[in-house]
Amino acid sequence: SLHEEILRQLFELNPAFAKTMKSKQYRYSKILIRMKHELGVNQRQMAQLLNLPYADYLALEFGSLTIAVNAYESVFVRLSQVTEDDIQSARTLSLASAV
């Protein structure tokens, strides 16, 4: 398929890209993005829910290979403890800081 051909060419041109796409960090980043969408929050709100600096959250979402796999696992544990009140609070504080 065209998609597979494009990926094959990308992997040939940039072996580091292939390493990233095949990593646990990349797979976990996709799960993290899906969870963010399911919670209905943006990146800044997600960082706040996780009590992380925004830049650190972005690195997690990017799937950076410099982040240890257990960091993602810790994030997933924290997300499992998030309440609806936490989500509402993150949305409210995010809106207040945007004004």
C-alpha atoms as a PDB file:
ATOM      1  CA  SER A   1       0.000   0.000   0.000  1.00  0.00           C
ATOM      2  CA  LEU A   2       1.011   3.625  -0.355  1.00  0.00           C
ATOM      3  CA  HIS A   3       1.185   4.029   3.432  1.00  0.00           C
ATOM      4  CA  GLU A   4       3.605   1.090   3.760  1.00  0.00           C
ATOM      5  CA  GLU A   5       5.749   2.390   0.906  1.00  0.00           C
ATOM      6  CA  ILE A   6       6.009   5.848   2.487  1.00  0.00           C
ATOM      7  CA  LEU A   7       7.006   4.304   5.834  1.00  0.00           C
ATOM      8  CA  ARG A   8       9.584   2.080   4.151  1.00  0.00           C
ATOM      9  CA  GLN A   9      11.157   5.098   2.448  1.00  0.00           C
ATOM     10  CA  LEU A  10      11.124   7.109   5.683  1.00  0.00           C
ATOM     11  CA  PHE A  11      12.841   4.267   7.518  1.00  0.00           C
ATOM     12  CA  GLU A  12      15.514   4.050   4.812  1.00  0.00           C
ATOM     13  CA  LEU A  13      16.132   7.801   4.835  1.00  0.00           C
ATOM     14  CA  ASN A  14      16.119   8.122   8.617  1.00  0.00           C
ATOM     15  CA  PRO A  15      16.935   4.985  10.615  1.00  0.00           C
ATOM     16  CA  ALA A  16      16.411   6.933  13.870  1.00  0.00           C
ATOM     17  CA  PHE A  17      12.785   7.442  12.832  1.00  0.00           C
ATOM     18  CA  ALA A  18      12.381   3.688  12.493  1.00  0.00           C
ATOM     19  CA  LYS A  19      13.901   3.174  15.938  1.00  0.00           C
ATOM     20  CA  THR A  20      11.446   5.662  17.435  1.00  0.00           C
ATOM     21  CA  MET A  21       8.402   4.171  15.705  1.00  0.00           C
ATOM     22  CA  LYS A  22       9.297   0.685  16.947  1.00  0.00           C
ATOM     23  CA  SER A  23       9.933   1.781  20.548  1.00  0.00           C
ATOM     24  CA  LYS A  24       7.778   1.239  23.621  1.00  0.00           C
ATOM     25  CA  GLN A  25       7.909   4.995  24.180  1.00  0.00           C
ATOM     26  CA  TYR A  26       6.213   5.584  20.821  1.00  0.00           C
ATOM     27  CA  ARG A  27       3.503   3.014  21.555  1.00  0.00           C
ATOM     28  CA  TYR A  28       2.949   4.489  24.998  1.00  0.00           C
ATOM     29  CA  SER A  29       2.810   8.013  23.566  1.00  0.00           C
ATOM     30  CA  LYS A  30      -0.017   6.929  21.265  1.00  0.00           C
ATOM     31  CA  ILE A  31      -1.906   5.537  24.269  1.00  0.00           C
ATOM     32  CA  LEU A  32      -1.294   8.781  26.169  1.00  0.00           C
ATOM     33  CA  ILE A  33      -2.663  10.855  23.283  1.00  0.00           C
ATOM     34  CA  ARG A  34      -5.719   8.609  23.047  1.00  0.00           C
ATOM     35  CA  MET A  35      -6.328   8.978  26.796  1.00  0.00           C
ATOM     36  CA  LYS A  36      -5.995  12.762  26.527  1.00  0.00           C
ATOM     37  CA  HIS A  37      -8.692  12.803  23.857  1.00  0.00           C
ATOM     38  CA  GLU A  38     -10.930  10.472  25.863  1.00  0.00           C
ATOM     39  CA  LEU A  39     -10.645  12.796  28.870  1.00  0.00           C
ATOM     40  CA  GLY A  40     -11.477  15.780  26.662  1.00  0.00           C
ATOM     41  CA  VAL A  41      -8.480  17.851  27.744  1.00  0.00           C
ATOM     42  CA  ASN A  42      -5.711  19.629  25.892  1.00  0.00           C
ATOM     43  CA  GLN A  43      -1.963  19.232  26.357  1.00  0.00           C
ATOM     44  CA  ARG A  44      -1.626  21.914  29.021  1.00  0.00           C
ATOM     45  CA  GLN A  45      -4.541  20.483  30.975  1.00  0.00           C
ATOM     46  CA  MET A  46      -3.083  16.986  30.720  1.00  0.00           C
ATOM     47  CA  ALA A  47       0.257  18.249  32.046  1.00  0.00           C
ATOM     48  CA  GLN A  48      -1.589  19.848  34.943  1.00  0.00           C
ATOM     49  CA  LEU A  49      -3.534  16.648  35.678  1.00  0.00           C
ATOM     50  CA  LEU A  50      -0.252  14.756  35.807  1.00  0.00           C
ATOM     51  CA  ASN A  51       1.482  17.465  37.831  1.00  0.00           C
ATOM     52  CA  LEU A  52       4.180  17.717  35.163  1.00  0.00           C
ATOM     53  CA  PRO A  53       5.869  20.704  33.560  1.00  0.00           C
ATOM     54  CA  TYR A  54       4.327  21.326  30.148  1.00  0.00           C
ATOM     55  CA  ALA A  55       7.604  20.614  28.318  1.00  0.00           C
ATOM     56  CA  ASP A  56       7.938  17.258  30.083  1.00  0.00           C
ATOM     57  CA  TYR A  57       4.411  16.293  29.080  1.00  0.00           C
ATOM     58  CA  LEU A  58       5.138  17.255  25.462  1.00  0.00           C
ATOM     59  CA  ALA A  59       8.223  15.013  25.477  1.00  0.00           C
ATOM     60  CA  LEU A  60       6.057  12.117  26.714  1.00  0.00           C
ATOM     61  CA  GLU A  61       3.475  12.740  24.027  1.00  0.00           C
ATOM     62  CA  PHE A  62       6.206  12.997  21.395  1.00  0.00           C
ATOM     63  CA  GLY A  63       7.547   9.565  22.357  1.00  0.00           C
ATOM     64  CA  SER A  64      11.050  10.779  23.088  1.00  0.00           C
ATOM     65  CA  LEU A  65      13.504   7.905  23.464  1.00  0.00           C
ATOM     66  CA  THR A  66      15.279   9.831  26.215  1.00  0.00           C
ATOM     67  CA  ILE A  67      12.315   9.142  28.518  1.00  0.00           C
ATOM     68  CA  ALA A  68      12.441   5.887  30.442  1.00  0.00           C
ATOM     69  CA  VAL A  69       9.601   3.443  29.839  1.00  0.00           C
ATOM     70  CA  ASN A  70       8.815   3.406  33.557  1.00  0.00           C
ATOM     71  CA  ALA A  71       8.067   7.149  33.374  1.00  0.00           C
ATOM     72  CA  TYR A  72       5.133   6.328  31.084  1.00  0.00           C
ATOM     73  CA  GLU A  73       4.021   3.603  33.459  1.00  0.00           C
ATOM     74  CA  SER A  74       4.038   6.093  36.342  1.00  0.00           C
ATOM     75  CA  VAL A  75       1.974   8.506  34.250  1.00  0.00           C
ATOM     76  CA  PHE A  76      -0.596   5.797  33.518  1.00  0.00           C
ATOM     77  CA  VAL A  77      -0.857   5.027  37.246  1.00  0.00           C
ATOM     78  CA  ARG A  78      -1.442   8.723  37.955  1.00  0.00           C
ATOM     79  CA  LEU A  79      -4.073   8.912  35.210  1.00  0.00           C
ATOM     80  CA  SER A  80      -5.915   5.965  36.727  1.00  0.00           C
ATOM     81  CA  GLN A  81      -6.296   8.048  39.903  1.00  0.00           C
ATOM     82  CA  VAL A  82      -7.620  11.185  38.186  1.00  0.00           C
ATOM     83  CA  THR A  83     -11.153  12.110  39.193  1.00  0.00           C
ATOM     84  CA  GLU A  84     -13.818  14.064  37.337  1.00  0.00           C
ATOM     85  CA  ASP A  85     -13.191  16.922  39.797  1.00  0.00           C
ATOM     86  CA  ASP A  86      -9.502  16.915  38.816  1.00  0.00           C
ATOM     87  CA  ILE A  87     -10.463  17.165  35.145  1.00  0.00           C
ATOM     88  CA  GLN A  88     -12.894  20.025  35.792  1.00  0.00           C
ATOM     89  CA  SER A  89     -10.274  21.827  37.871  1.00  0.00           C
ATOM     90  CA  ALA A  90      -7.659  21.481  35.110  1.00  0.00           C
ATOM     91  CA  ARG A  91     -10.116  22.833  32.528  1.00  0.00           C
ATOM     92  CA  THR A  92     -11.084  25.765  34.739  1.00  0.00           C
ATOM     93  CA  LEU A  93      -7.526  26.736  35.639  1.00  0.00           C
ATOM     94  CA  SER A  94      -6.467  26.406  32.009  1.00  0.00           C
ATOM     95  CA  LEU A  95      -9.259  28.722  30.884  1.00  0.00           C
ATOM     96  CA  ALA A  96      -8.425  31.240  33.614  1.00  0.00           C
ATOM     97  CA  SER A  97      -4.750  31.356  32.630  1.00  0.00           C
ATOM     98  CA  ALA A  98      -5.660  31.809  28.947  1.00  0.00           C
ATOM     99  CA  VAL A  99      -7.530  35.070  29.671  1.00  0.00           C
END
